[in-house]
Amino acid sequence: MPSPGCTPTTDAKSTMKTAYELAMERLSKTAPPARLTDEQKKQLAELDSVYAAKIAERELFIKGQLAEASAREDFEAIDQLQKQLADSRRSLQAELEAKKDQVRHATSGAG
């Protein structure tokens, strides 16, 4: 039996759930996970591939400009290009997620 000031850690941790687990439980109660068709899975994989290529292309372009700015020791340009790179990644990622949502929410009974 634990002393009055101690808490039993083994039992408490084994029954406690993470915030993520709790959120996923709540989400599954309100909106059960949708079943994706094979076509939707294929479209999602294709979108991932296309956007991975777009992001890589953009990164190569901006990193080339970063190398040039670094060689000139143009620190203002370096800062701007780093912000541009982060914005480009964020923008393309948001665009990808929007397109993936469209695929996920497309009516699967249409075929």
C-alpha atoms as a PDB file:
ATOM      1  CA  MET A   1       0.000   0.000   0.000  1.00  0.00           C
ATOM      2  CA  PRO A   2       1.499   3.371  -1.002  1.00  0.00           C
ATOM      3  CA  SER A   3       2.199   5.974   1.620  1.00  0.00           C
ATOM      4  CA  PRO A   4      -0.329   8.848   1.890  1.00  0.00           C
ATOM      5  CA  GLY A   5       1.757  11.340  -0.141  1.00  0.00           C
ATOM      6  CA  CYS A   6       2.551   8.936  -2.983  1.00  0.00           C
ATOM      7  CA  THR A   7       0.439   8.171  -6.008  1.00  0.00           C
ATOM      8  CA  PRO A   8       0.406   4.782  -7.683  1.00  0.00           C
ATOM      9  CA  THR A   9       1.925   5.448 -11.099  1.00  0.00           C
ATOM     10  CA  THR A  10       1.618   2.053 -12.740  1.00  0.00           C
ATOM     11  CA  ASP A  11      -2.167   1.710 -12.541  1.00  0.00           C
ATOM     12  CA  ALA A  12      -2.925   5.367 -13.268  1.00  0.00           C
ATOM     13  CA  LYS A  13      -0.770   5.548 -16.387  1.00  0.00           C
ATOM     14  CA  SER A  14      -2.069   2.319 -17.833  1.00  0.00           C
ATOM     15  CA  THR A  15      -5.684   3.565 -17.707  1.00  0.00           C
ATOM     16  CA  MET A  16      -5.110   7.198 -18.708  1.00  0.00           C
ATOM     17  CA  LYS A  17      -5.518   8.157 -22.346  1.00  0.00           C
ATOM     18  CA  THR A  18      -3.645  10.801 -24.251  1.00  0.00           C
ATOM     19  CA  ALA A  19      -5.410  13.912 -25.480  1.00  0.00           C
ATOM     20  CA  TYR A  20      -5.043  12.538 -29.008  1.00  0.00           C
ATOM     21  CA  GLU A  21      -6.784   9.287 -28.089  1.00  0.00           C
ATOM     22  CA  LEU A  22      -9.622  11.171 -26.410  1.00  0.00           C
ATOM     23  CA  ALA A  23     -10.034  13.485 -29.393  1.00  0.00           C
ATOM     24  CA  MET A  24     -10.086  10.547 -31.812  1.00  0.00           C
ATOM     25  CA  GLU A  25     -12.764   8.824 -29.724  1.00  0.00           C
ATOM     26  CA  ARG A  26     -14.926  11.949 -29.764  1.00  0.00           C
ATOM     27  CA  LEU A  27     -14.400  12.383 -33.493  1.00  0.00           C
ATOM     28  CA  SER A  28     -15.343   8.804 -34.279  1.00  0.00           C
ATOM     29  CA  LYS A  29     -18.573   9.200 -32.322  1.00  0.00           C
ATOM     30  CA  THR A  30     -19.625  12.337 -34.207  1.00  0.00           C
ATOM     31  CA  ALA A  31     -18.270  11.411 -37.640  1.00  0.00           C
ATOM     32  CA  PRO A  32     -17.262   7.797 -38.166  1.00  0.00           C
ATOM     33  CA  PRO A  33     -14.280   7.364 -40.496  1.00  0.00           C
ATOM     34  CA  ALA A  34     -15.313   7.217 -44.136  1.00  0.00           C
ATOM     35  CA  ARG A  35     -14.420   4.210 -46.227  1.00  0.00           C
ATOM     36  CA  LEU A  36     -12.366   5.150 -49.250  1.00  0.00           C
ATOM     37  CA  THR A  37     -12.791   3.428 -52.566  1.00  0.00           C
ATOM     38  CA  ASP A  38      -9.783   2.058 -54.416  1.00  0.00           C
ATOM     39  CA  GLU A  39     -10.153   4.912 -56.913  1.00  0.00           C
ATOM     40  CA  GLN A  40     -10.097   7.500 -54.109  1.00  0.00           C
ATOM     41  CA  LYS A  41      -7.001   5.878 -52.609  1.00  0.00           C
ATOM     42  CA  LYS A  42      -5.348   5.994 -56.031  1.00  0.00           C
ATOM     43  CA  GLN A  43      -6.258   9.674 -56.455  1.00  0.00           C
ATOM     44  CA  LEU A  44      -4.925  10.521 -52.987  1.00  0.00           C
ATOM     45  CA  ALA A  45      -1.641   8.746 -53.695  1.00  0.00           C
ATOM     46  CA  GLU A  46      -1.345  10.570 -57.019  1.00  0.00           C
ATOM     47  CA  LEU A  47      -1.990  13.926 -55.327  1.00  0.00           C
ATOM     48  CA  ASP A  48       0.699  13.142 -52.741  1.00  0.00           C
ATOM     49  CA  SER A  49       3.136  12.329 -55.517  1.00  0.00           C
ATOM     50  CA  VAL A  50       2.325  15.414 -57.598  1.00  0.00           C
ATOM     51  CA  TYR A  51       2.570  17.778 -54.644  1.00  0.00           C
ATOM     52  CA  ALA A  52       5.764  16.169 -53.347  1.00  0.00           C
ATOM     53  CA  ALA A  53       7.247  16.949 -56.761  1.00  0.00           C
ATOM     54  CA  LYS A  54       5.897  20.520 -56.727  1.00  0.00           C
ATOM     55  CA  ILE A  55       7.323  21.129 -53.268  1.00  0.00           C
ATOM     56  CA  ALA A  56      10.699  19.632 -54.233  1.00  0.00           C
ATOM     57  CA  GLU A  57      10.820  21.753 -57.396  1.00  0.00           C
ATOM     58  CA  ARG A  58      10.033  24.913 -55.458  1.00  0.00           C
ATOM     59  CA  GLU A  59      12.608  24.051 -52.781  1.00  0.00           C
ATOM     60  CA  LEU A  60      15.315  23.469 -55.398  1.00  0.00           C
ATOM     61  CA  PHE A  61      14.579  26.792 -57.058  1.00  0.00           C
ATOM     62  CA  ILE A  62      14.562  28.797 -53.828  1.00  0.00           C
ATOM     63  CA  LYS A  63      17.577  26.956 -52.392  1.00  0.00           C
ATOM     64  CA  GLY A  64      19.498  27.888 -55.542  1.00  0.00           C
ATOM     65  CA  GLN A  65      18.603  31.513 -54.939  1.00  0.00           C
ATOM     66  CA  LEU A  66      19.572  31.100 -51.276  1.00  0.00           C
ATOM     67  CA  ALA A  67      23.009  29.822 -52.305  1.00  0.00           C
ATOM     68  CA  GLU A  68      23.493  32.847 -54.557  1.00  0.00           C
ATOM     69  CA  ALA A  69      22.376  35.258 -51.830  1.00  0.00           C
ATOM     70  CA  SER A  70      24.629  33.509 -49.342  1.00  0.00           C
ATOM     71  CA  ALA A  71      27.611  33.836 -51.685  1.00  0.00           C
ATOM     72  CA  ARG A  72      26.881  37.581 -51.942  1.00  0.00           C
ATOM     73  CA  GLU A  73      26.367  37.700 -48.154  1.00  0.00           C
ATOM     74  CA  ASP A  74      23.016  39.380 -48.776  1.00  0.00           C
ATOM     75  CA  PHE A  75      21.442  38.586 -45.422  1.00  0.00           C
ATOM     76  CA  GLU A  76      18.242  40.495 -46.137  1.00  0.00           C
ATOM     77  CA  ALA A  77      17.683  38.442 -49.289  1.00  0.00           C
ATOM     78  CA  ILE A  78      18.476  35.246 -47.375  1.00  0.00           C
ATOM     79  CA  ASP A  79      15.840  36.109 -44.778  1.00  0.00           C
ATOM     80  CA  GLN A  80      13.257  36.905 -47.477  1.00  0.00           C
ATOM     81  CA  LEU A  81      14.009  33.708 -49.376  1.00  0.00           C
ATOM     82  CA  GLN A  82      13.710  31.593 -46.224  1.00  0.00           C
ATOM     83  CA  LYS A  83      10.313  33.168 -45.539  1.00  0.00           C
ATOM     84  CA  GLN A  84       9.327  32.595 -49.170  1.00  0.00           C
ATOM     85  CA  LEU A  85      10.360  28.945 -48.903  1.00  0.00           C
ATOM     86  CA  ALA A  86       8.299  28.445 -45.738  1.00  0.00           C
ATOM     87  CA  ASP A  87       5.308  30.236 -47.302  1.00  0.00           C
ATOM     88  CA  SER A  88       5.573  28.141 -50.471  1.00  0.00           C
ATOM     89  CA  ARG A  89       5.658  24.900 -48.501  1.00  0.00           C
ATOM     90  CA  ARG A  90       2.708  25.987 -46.376  1.00  0.00           C
ATOM     91  CA  SER A  91       0.712  27.124 -49.406  1.00  0.00           C
ATOM     92  CA  LEU A  92       1.329  23.945 -51.401  1.00  0.00           C
ATOM     93  CA  GLN A  93       0.562  21.793 -48.347  1.00  0.00           C
ATOM     94  CA  ALA A  94      -2.743  23.635 -47.811  1.00  0.00           C
ATOM     95  CA  GLU A  95      -3.583  23.262 -51.509  1.00  0.00           C
ATOM     96  CA  LEU A  96      -2.817  19.541 -51.292  1.00  0.00           C
ATOM     97  CA  GLU A  97      -5.015  19.071 -48.222  1.00  0.00           C
ATOM     98  CA  ALA A  98      -7.891  20.947 -49.889  1.00  0.00           C
ATOM     99  CA  LYS A  99      -7.686  18.710 -52.957  1.00  0.00           C
ATOM    100  CA  LYS A 100      -7.441  15.586 -50.801  1.00  0.00           C
ATOM    101  CA  ASP A 101     -10.545  16.692 -48.890  1.00  0.00           C
ATOM    102  CA  GLN A 102     -12.397  17.059 -52.200  1.00  0.00           C
ATOM    103  CA  VAL A 103     -11.430  13.494 -53.127  1.00  0.00           C
ATOM    104  CA  ARG A 104     -12.381  12.146 -49.705  1.00  0.00           C
ATOM    105  CA  HIS A 105     -15.769  13.838 -49.767  1.00  0.00           C
ATOM    106  CA  ALA A 106     -16.599  12.896 -53.351  1.00  0.00           C
ATOM    107  CA  THR A 107     -19.606  10.612 -53.501  1.00  0.00           C
ATOM    108  CA  SER A 108     -18.315   7.082 -53.563  1.00  0.00           C
ATOM    109  CA  GLY A 109     -21.645   5.645 -54.743  1.00  0.00           C
ATOM    110  CA  ALA A 110     -21.485   7.443 -58.103  1.00  0.00           C
ATOM    111  CA  GLY A 111     -19.785   4.547 -59.930  1.00  0.00           C
END
